[in-house]
Amino acid sequence: MRGKTVEKKRRESKEKLRLKDILILQAVIVIYTLSSVMAKLASGQEAFSAPFLLFYLAELMILGVYAILWQQMIKKFELSVAYTNRAMALLWSMLWAVVLFHDRVTMKNVIGVALVIVGTLIVNGGEEEAR
């Protein structure tokens, strides 16, 4: 009997996706994209030099933090919602590319990221309507 009550509470908490929860999930995804920034910075250094090793170590640390946080996110969210939101890493990666590395964004990039965002909104909205 007690197991059913705990399971029911868990299900109810998953049903109450709030904006705060989605923002926390996005923050975890931003942390994940920072590992790519460190990888890009490491790639610009001489192999096994001190700066290379520093950026590489930072990348590994970020991935470790992300792994722990991601486990917490998949406890809170339905797996389909969590993984769909992970696709938003494309947006964050594109923003890092522009802001930090002064990369040029093409119309194809914008359209592709827009499609991902629309898909993410549809999946998140569909989860809310299904409840």
N, C-alpha and C. Protein backbone atom coordinates (compact mmCIF):
# COMPACT_ATOMS: atom_id res chain seq x y z
N MET A 1 0.83 -1.20 0.00
CA MET A 1 0.00 0.00 0.00
C MET A 1 0.87 1.26 0.00
N ARG A 2 1.86 1.27 0.86
CA ARG A 2 2.73 2.43 0.95
C ARG A 2 3.47 2.67 -0.37
N GLY A 3 3.89 1.61 -1.05
CA GLY A 3 4.58 1.73 -2.33
C GLY A 3 3.73 2.42 -3.37
N LYS A 4 2.44 2.14 -3.36
CA LYS A 4 1.53 2.78 -4.31
C LYS A 4 1.41 4.27 -4.03
N THR A 5 1.41 4.64 -2.76
CA THR A 5 1.31 6.05 -2.40
C THR A 5 2.56 6.81 -2.87
N VAL A 6 3.72 6.23 -2.65
CA VAL A 6 4.96 6.87 -3.08
C VAL A 6 4.98 7.00 -4.60
N GLU A 7 4.58 5.94 -5.30
CA GLU A 7 4.54 5.97 -6.76
C GLU A 7 3.55 7.02 -7.26
N LYS A 8 2.40 7.12 -6.59
CA LYS A 8 1.39 8.11 -6.98
C LYS A 8 1.94 9.53 -6.81
N LYS A 9 2.60 9.79 -5.70
CA LYS A 9 3.18 11.12 -5.46
C LYS A 9 4.24 11.44 -6.51
N ARG A 10 5.04 10.43 -6.83
CA ARG A 10 6.08 10.64 -7.84
C ARG A 10 5.47 10.98 -9.19
N ARG A 11 4.41 10.27 -9.56
CA ARG A 11 3.74 10.52 -10.84
C ARG A 11 3.14 11.93 -10.84
N GLU A 12 2.51 12.32 -9.73
CA GLU A 12 1.91 13.66 -9.65
C GLU A 12 2.96 14.75 -9.77
N SER A 13 4.13 14.52 -9.16
CA SER A 13 5.17 15.55 -9.24
C SER A 13 5.70 15.67 -10.66
N LYS A 14 5.76 14.56 -11.39
CA LYS A 14 6.19 14.62 -12.79
C LYS A 14 5.15 15.32 -13.65
N GLU A 15 3.89 15.24 -13.26
CA GLU A 15 2.83 15.86 -14.04
C GLU A 15 2.85 17.38 -13.93
N LYS A 16 3.45 17.89 -12.89
CA LYS A 16 3.44 19.34 -12.65
C LYS A 16 4.71 19.98 -13.20
N LEU A 17 4.90 19.87 -14.50
CA LEU A 17 6.04 20.54 -15.12
C LEU A 17 5.78 22.04 -15.10
N ARG A 18 6.66 22.74 -14.48
CA ARG A 18 6.52 24.19 -14.42
C ARG A 18 7.66 24.84 -15.19
N LEU A 19 7.49 26.09 -15.46
CA LEU A 19 8.52 26.85 -16.17
C LEU A 19 9.85 26.76 -15.43
N LYS A 20 9.80 26.81 -14.11
CA LYS A 20 11.02 26.71 -13.30
C LYS A 20 11.76 25.40 -13.60
N ASP A 21 11.01 24.32 -13.71
CA ASP A 21 11.62 23.02 -13.99
C ASP A 21 12.28 23.00 -15.37
N ILE A 22 11.59 23.56 -16.35
CA ILE A 22 12.15 23.61 -17.71
C ILE A 22 13.41 24.47 -17.72
N LEU A 23 13.40 25.58 -16.99
CA LEU A 23 14.59 26.44 -16.93
C LEU A 23 15.76 25.74 -16.26
N ILE A 24 15.49 24.96 -15.23
CA ILE A 24 16.55 24.19 -14.58
C ILE A 24 17.12 23.17 -15.55
N LEU A 25 16.24 22.50 -16.29
CA LEU A 25 16.69 21.54 -17.30
C LEU A 25 17.55 22.23 -18.35
N GLN A 26 17.14 23.41 -18.78
CA GLN A 26 17.94 24.15 -19.77
C GLN A 26 19.29 24.56 -19.19
N ALA A 27 19.32 24.91 -17.91
CA ALA A 27 20.60 25.26 -17.28
C ALA A 27 21.55 24.07 -17.29
N VAL A 28 21.02 22.88 -17.06
CA VAL A 28 21.85 21.67 -17.11
C VAL A 28 22.37 21.46 -18.54
N ILE A 29 21.52 21.73 -19.51
CA ILE A 29 21.93 21.59 -20.91
C ILE A 29 22.99 22.63 -21.28
N VAL A 30 22.86 23.83 -20.75
CA VAL A 30 23.89 24.86 -20.98
C VAL A 30 25.23 24.39 -20.40
N ILE A 31 25.18 23.79 -19.22
CA ILE A 31 26.41 23.25 -18.63
C ILE A 31 27.04 22.22 -19.57
N TYR A 32 26.20 21.37 -20.15
CA TYR A 32 26.69 20.37 -21.11
C TYR A 32 27.38 21.04 -22.30
N THR A 33 26.79 22.12 -22.81
CA THR A 33 27.38 22.78 -23.98
C THR A 33 28.71 23.45 -23.65
N LEU A 34 28.91 23.79 -22.38
CA LEU A 34 30.19 24.38 -21.99
C LEU A 34 31.34 23.40 -22.18
N SER A 35 31.04 22.11 -22.13
CA SER A 35 32.10 21.12 -22.39
C SER A 35 32.60 21.25 -23.83
N SER A 36 31.71 21.55 -24.74
CA SER A 36 32.11 21.75 -26.14
C SER A 36 32.96 23.01 -26.30
N VAL A 37 32.64 24.03 -25.52
CA VAL A 37 33.44 25.25 -25.55
C VAL A 37 34.87 24.94 -25.10
N MET A 38 34.98 24.17 -24.02
CA MET A 38 36.32 23.79 -23.53
C MET A 38 37.06 22.95 -24.56
N ALA A 39 36.34 22.05 -25.24
CA ALA A 39 36.97 21.22 -26.28
C ALA A 39 37.48 22.09 -27.43
N LYS A 40 36.69 23.08 -27.81
CA LYS A 40 37.11 23.99 -28.89
C LYS A 40 38.34 24.79 -28.46
N LEU A 41 38.33 25.26 -27.22
CA LEU A 41 39.49 26.01 -26.73
C LEU A 41 40.73 25.11 -26.65
N ALA A 42 40.55 23.87 -26.23
CA ALA A 42 41.68 22.93 -26.17
C ALA A 42 42.23 22.65 -27.55
N SER A 43 41.35 22.57 -28.54
CA SER A 43 41.80 22.24 -29.90
C SER A 43 42.68 23.33 -30.50
N GLY A 44 42.60 24.53 -29.97
CA GLY A 44 43.42 25.63 -30.47
C GLY A 44 44.79 25.70 -29.83
N GLN A 45 45.06 24.77 -28.92
CA GLN A 45 46.34 24.76 -28.21
C GLN A 45 47.24 23.65 -28.75
N GLU A 46 48.51 23.78 -28.48
CA GLU A 46 49.45 22.72 -28.85
C GLU A 46 49.13 21.48 -28.00
N ALA A 47 49.12 20.32 -28.63
CA ALA A 47 48.76 19.09 -27.93
C ALA A 47 49.64 18.87 -26.70
N PHE A 48 48.99 18.56 -25.60
CA PHE A 48 49.63 18.25 -24.32
C PHE A 48 50.38 19.41 -23.69
N SER A 49 50.15 20.62 -24.18
CA SER A 49 50.72 21.80 -23.52
C SER A 49 49.89 22.08 -22.27
N ALA A 50 50.38 22.97 -21.41
CA ALA A 50 49.66 23.29 -20.18
C ALA A 50 48.25 23.84 -20.47
N PRO A 51 48.09 24.80 -21.40
CA PRO A 51 46.73 25.29 -21.69
C PRO A 51 45.82 24.18 -22.24
N PHE A 52 46.37 23.32 -23.10
CA PHE A 52 45.59 22.21 -23.64
C PHE A 52 45.07 21.33 -22.51
N LEU A 53 45.97 20.95 -21.62
CA LEU A 53 45.59 20.07 -20.51
C LEU A 53 44.60 20.75 -19.58
N LEU A 54 44.76 22.05 -19.38
CA LEU A 54 43.83 22.80 -18.53
C LEU A 54 42.42 22.80 -19.13
N PHE A 55 42.32 23.11 -20.42
CA PHE A 55 41.00 23.10 -21.07
C PHE A 55 40.41 21.70 -21.10
N TYR A 56 41.25 20.71 -21.34
CA TYR A 56 40.78 19.33 -21.40
C TYR A 56 40.28 18.88 -20.02
N LEU A 57 41.00 19.23 -18.98
CA LEU A 57 40.58 18.91 -17.61
C LEU A 57 39.27 19.62 -17.28
N ALA A 58 39.15 20.87 -17.68
CA ALA A 58 37.90 21.62 -17.46
C ALA A 58 36.74 20.93 -18.18
N GLU A 59 37.00 20.46 -19.40
CA GLU A 59 35.96 19.75 -20.15
C GLU A 59 35.51 18.50 -19.40
N LEU A 60 36.46 17.73 -18.91
CA LEU A 60 36.12 16.51 -18.17
C LEU A 60 35.35 16.82 -16.88
N MET A 61 35.75 17.87 -16.19
CA MET A 61 35.05 18.26 -14.96
C MET A 61 33.62 18.69 -15.27
N ILE A 62 33.45 19.47 -16.32
CA ILE A 62 32.11 19.91 -16.71
C ILE A 62 31.24 18.71 -17.06
N LEU A 63 31.80 17.75 -17.80
CA LEU A 63 31.04 16.56 -18.16
C LEU A 63 30.67 15.74 -16.92
N GLY A 64 31.55 15.71 -15.93
CA GLY A 64 31.23 15.01 -14.68
C GLY A 64 30.08 15.67 -13.94
N VAL A 65 30.14 16.99 -13.83
CA VAL A 65 29.05 17.73 -13.18
C VAL A 65 27.75 17.53 -13.96
N TYR A 66 27.84 17.61 -15.27
CA TYR A 66 26.66 17.42 -16.12
C TYR A 66 26.05 16.03 -15.90
N ALA A 67 26.89 15.00 -15.83
CA ALA A 67 26.38 13.63 -15.66
C ALA A 67 25.58 13.50 -14.37
N ILE A 68 26.08 14.09 -13.31
CA ILE A 68 25.37 14.04 -12.02
C ILE A 68 24.05 14.81 -12.12
N LEU A 69 24.10 16.01 -12.68
CA LEU A 69 22.88 16.82 -12.81
C LEU A 69 21.88 16.16 -13.75
N TRP A 70 22.36 15.54 -14.82
CA TRP A 70 21.47 14.90 -15.79
C TRP A 70 20.70 13.75 -15.13
N GLN A 71 21.37 13.01 -14.27
CA GLN A 71 20.69 11.93 -13.55
C GLN A 71 19.54 12.48 -12.71
N GLN A 72 19.74 13.64 -12.13
CA GLN A 72 18.67 14.26 -11.34
C GLN A 72 17.53 14.72 -12.24
N MET A 73 17.87 15.18 -13.43
CA MET A 73 16.84 15.65 -14.36
C MET A 73 15.97 14.49 -14.85
N ILE A 74 16.57 13.35 -15.14
CA ILE A 74 15.75 12.26 -15.65
C ILE A 74 14.93 11.60 -14.55
N LYS A 75 15.23 11.92 -13.30
CA LYS A 75 14.34 11.51 -12.20
C LYS A 75 13.09 12.39 -12.20
N LYS A 76 13.29 13.65 -12.51
CA LYS A 76 12.21 14.64 -12.41
C LYS A 76 11.31 14.65 -13.65
N PHE A 77 11.87 14.39 -14.82
CA PHE A 77 11.14 14.51 -16.08
C PHE A 77 10.89 13.14 -16.69
N GLU A 78 9.86 13.07 -17.50
CA GLU A 78 9.69 11.90 -18.35
C GLU A 78 10.91 11.85 -19.26
N LEU A 79 11.37 10.66 -19.55
CA LEU A 79 12.57 10.50 -20.35
C LEU A 79 12.43 11.15 -21.73
N SER A 80 11.26 11.02 -22.33
CA SER A 80 11.06 11.61 -23.66
C SER A 80 11.17 13.13 -23.62
N VAL A 81 10.69 13.74 -22.56
CA VAL A 81 10.77 15.20 -22.43
C VAL A 81 12.22 15.63 -22.18
N ALA A 82 12.90 14.93 -21.31
CA ALA A 82 14.29 15.29 -20.99
C ALA A 82 15.17 15.19 -22.24
N TYR A 83 15.06 14.09 -22.96
CA TYR A 83 15.91 13.93 -24.14
C TYR A 83 15.53 14.88 -25.27
N THR A 84 14.26 15.19 -25.40
CA THR A 84 13.86 16.16 -26.42
C THR A 84 14.45 17.53 -26.10
N ASN A 85 14.43 17.91 -24.85
CA ASN A 85 15.00 19.20 -24.45
C ASN A 85 16.51 19.23 -24.65
N ARG A 86 17.14 18.08 -24.61
CA ARG A 86 18.59 18.04 -24.83
C ARG A 86 18.96 18.54 -26.22
N ALA A 87 18.02 18.43 -27.14
CA ALA A 87 18.27 18.94 -28.49
C ALA A 87 18.46 20.45 -28.50
N MET A 88 18.02 21.11 -27.45
CA MET A 88 18.21 22.56 -27.35
C MET A 88 19.69 22.92 -27.21
N ALA A 89 20.53 21.93 -26.99
CA ALA A 89 21.97 22.18 -26.95
C ALA A 89 22.45 22.81 -28.25
N LEU A 90 21.74 22.53 -29.34
CA LEU A 90 22.10 23.15 -30.62
C LEU A 90 22.01 24.67 -30.54
N LEU A 91 20.94 25.16 -29.92
CA LEU A 91 20.77 26.61 -29.77
C LEU A 91 21.90 27.19 -28.92
N TRP A 92 22.13 26.56 -27.77
CA TRP A 92 23.16 27.09 -26.87
C TRP A 92 24.54 27.00 -27.52
N SER A 93 24.81 25.93 -28.23
CA SER A 93 26.11 25.80 -28.92
C SER A 93 26.28 26.88 -29.99
N MET A 94 25.20 27.16 -30.70
CA MET A 94 25.26 28.20 -31.73
C MET A 94 25.51 29.56 -31.08
N LEU A 95 24.87 29.83 -29.96
CA LEU A 95 25.10 31.09 -29.25
C LEU A 95 26.55 31.21 -28.78
N TRP A 96 27.10 30.12 -28.21
CA TRP A 96 28.50 30.14 -27.79
C TRP A 96 29.41 30.39 -28.99
N ALA A 97 29.11 29.76 -30.11
CA ALA A 97 29.94 29.92 -31.32
C ALA A 97 29.98 31.37 -31.76
N VAL A 98 28.84 32.04 -31.70
CA VAL A 98 28.77 33.45 -32.12
C VAL A 98 29.44 34.35 -31.10
N VAL A 99 29.09 34.19 -29.84
CA VAL A 99 29.56 35.10 -28.79
C VAL A 99 31.06 34.91 -28.50
N LEU A 100 31.48 33.68 -28.36
CA LEU A 100 32.86 33.43 -27.94
C LEU A 100 33.85 33.28 -29.08
N PHE A 101 33.39 32.70 -30.19
CA PHE A 101 34.32 32.40 -31.27
C PHE A 101 34.07 33.21 -32.53
N HIS A 102 33.08 34.09 -32.47
CA HIS A 102 32.75 34.99 -33.58
C HIS A 102 32.49 34.23 -34.88
N ASP A 103 31.87 33.06 -34.74
CA ASP A 103 31.49 32.29 -35.93
C ASP A 103 30.32 32.97 -36.63
N ARG A 104 30.21 32.70 -37.90
CA ARG A 104 29.12 33.26 -38.71
C ARG A 104 27.96 32.29 -38.70
N VAL A 105 26.76 32.80 -38.49
CA VAL A 105 25.56 31.97 -38.49
C VAL A 105 24.87 32.13 -39.84
N THR A 106 24.57 31.01 -40.48
CA THR A 106 23.90 31.05 -41.77
C THR A 106 22.39 30.90 -41.57
N MET A 107 21.65 31.19 -42.63
CA MET A 107 20.20 31.03 -42.57
C MET A 107 19.84 29.57 -42.31
N LYS A 108 20.60 28.65 -42.88
CA LYS A 108 20.35 27.22 -42.63
C LYS A 108 20.51 26.89 -41.15
N ASN A 109 21.51 27.49 -40.50
CA ASN A 109 21.69 27.28 -39.06
C ASN A 109 20.47 27.75 -38.29
N VAL A 110 20.01 28.95 -38.62
CA VAL A 110 18.86 29.54 -37.92
C VAL A 110 17.61 28.69 -38.14
N ILE A 111 17.36 28.28 -39.38
CA ILE A 111 16.18 27.46 -39.68
C ILE A 111 16.27 26.12 -38.94
N GLY A 112 17.43 25.51 -38.95
CA GLY A 112 17.60 24.23 -38.26
C GLY A 112 17.34 24.33 -36.77
N VAL A 113 17.90 25.34 -36.14
CA VAL A 113 17.69 25.54 -34.70
C VAL A 113 16.23 25.89 -34.42
N ALA A 114 15.62 26.70 -35.29
CA ALA A 114 14.21 27.04 -35.11
C ALA A 114 13.33 25.79 -35.16
N LEU A 115 13.63 24.88 -36.08
CA LEU A 115 12.87 23.63 -36.16
C LEU A 115 13.03 22.81 -34.88
N VAL A 116 14.23 22.79 -34.34
CA VAL A 116 14.46 22.07 -33.09
C VAL A 116 13.66 22.69 -31.95
N ILE A 117 13.67 24.02 -31.88
CA ILE A 117 12.92 24.71 -30.82
C ILE A 117 11.43 24.43 -30.95
N VAL A 118 10.90 24.52 -32.16
CA VAL A 118 9.48 24.24 -32.38
C VAL A 118 9.16 22.80 -31.98
N GLY A 119 10.00 21.87 -32.36
CA GLY A 119 9.79 20.48 -31.99
C GLY A 119 9.81 20.28 -30.48
N THR A 120 10.73 20.95 -29.82
CA THR A 120 10.82 20.86 -28.36
C THR A 120 9.56 21.43 -27.71
N LEU A 121 9.08 22.56 -28.21
CA LEU A 121 7.86 23.15 -27.67
C LEU A 121 6.66 22.24 -27.89
N ILE A 122 6.59 21.61 -29.05
CA ILE A 122 5.48 20.70 -29.34
C ILE A 122 5.50 19.52 -28.38
N VAL A 123 6.67 18.93 -28.19
CA VAL A 123 6.76 17.78 -27.28
C VAL A 123 6.42 18.20 -25.85
N ASN A 124 6.96 19.33 -25.39
CA ASN A 124 6.66 19.78 -24.03
C ASN A 124 5.19 20.13 -23.88
N GLY A 125 4.63 20.79 -24.88
CA GLY A 125 3.20 21.13 -24.84
C GLY A 125 2.34 19.89 -24.91
N GLY A 126 2.75 18.92 -25.71
CA GLY A 126 2.01 17.67 -25.83
C GLY A 126 1.99 16.90 -24.53
N GLU A 127 3.08 16.97 -23.76
CA GLU A 127 3.13 16.30 -22.46
C GLU A 127 2.13 16.93 -21.51
N GLU A 128 2.03 18.26 -21.56
CA GLU A 128 1.08 18.95 -20.68
C GLU A 128 -0.36 18.60 -21.05
N GLU A 129 -0.66 18.56 -22.36
CA GLU A 129 -2.02 18.27 -22.80
C GLU A 129 -2.41 16.83 -22.52
N ALA A 130 -1.44 15.92 -22.53
CA ALA A 130 -1.73 14.51 -22.30
C ALA A 130 -2.12 14.24 -20.86
N ARG A 131 -1.85 15.15 -19.98
CA ARG A 131 -2.13 14.93 -18.55
C ARG A 131 -3.51 15.33 -18.23
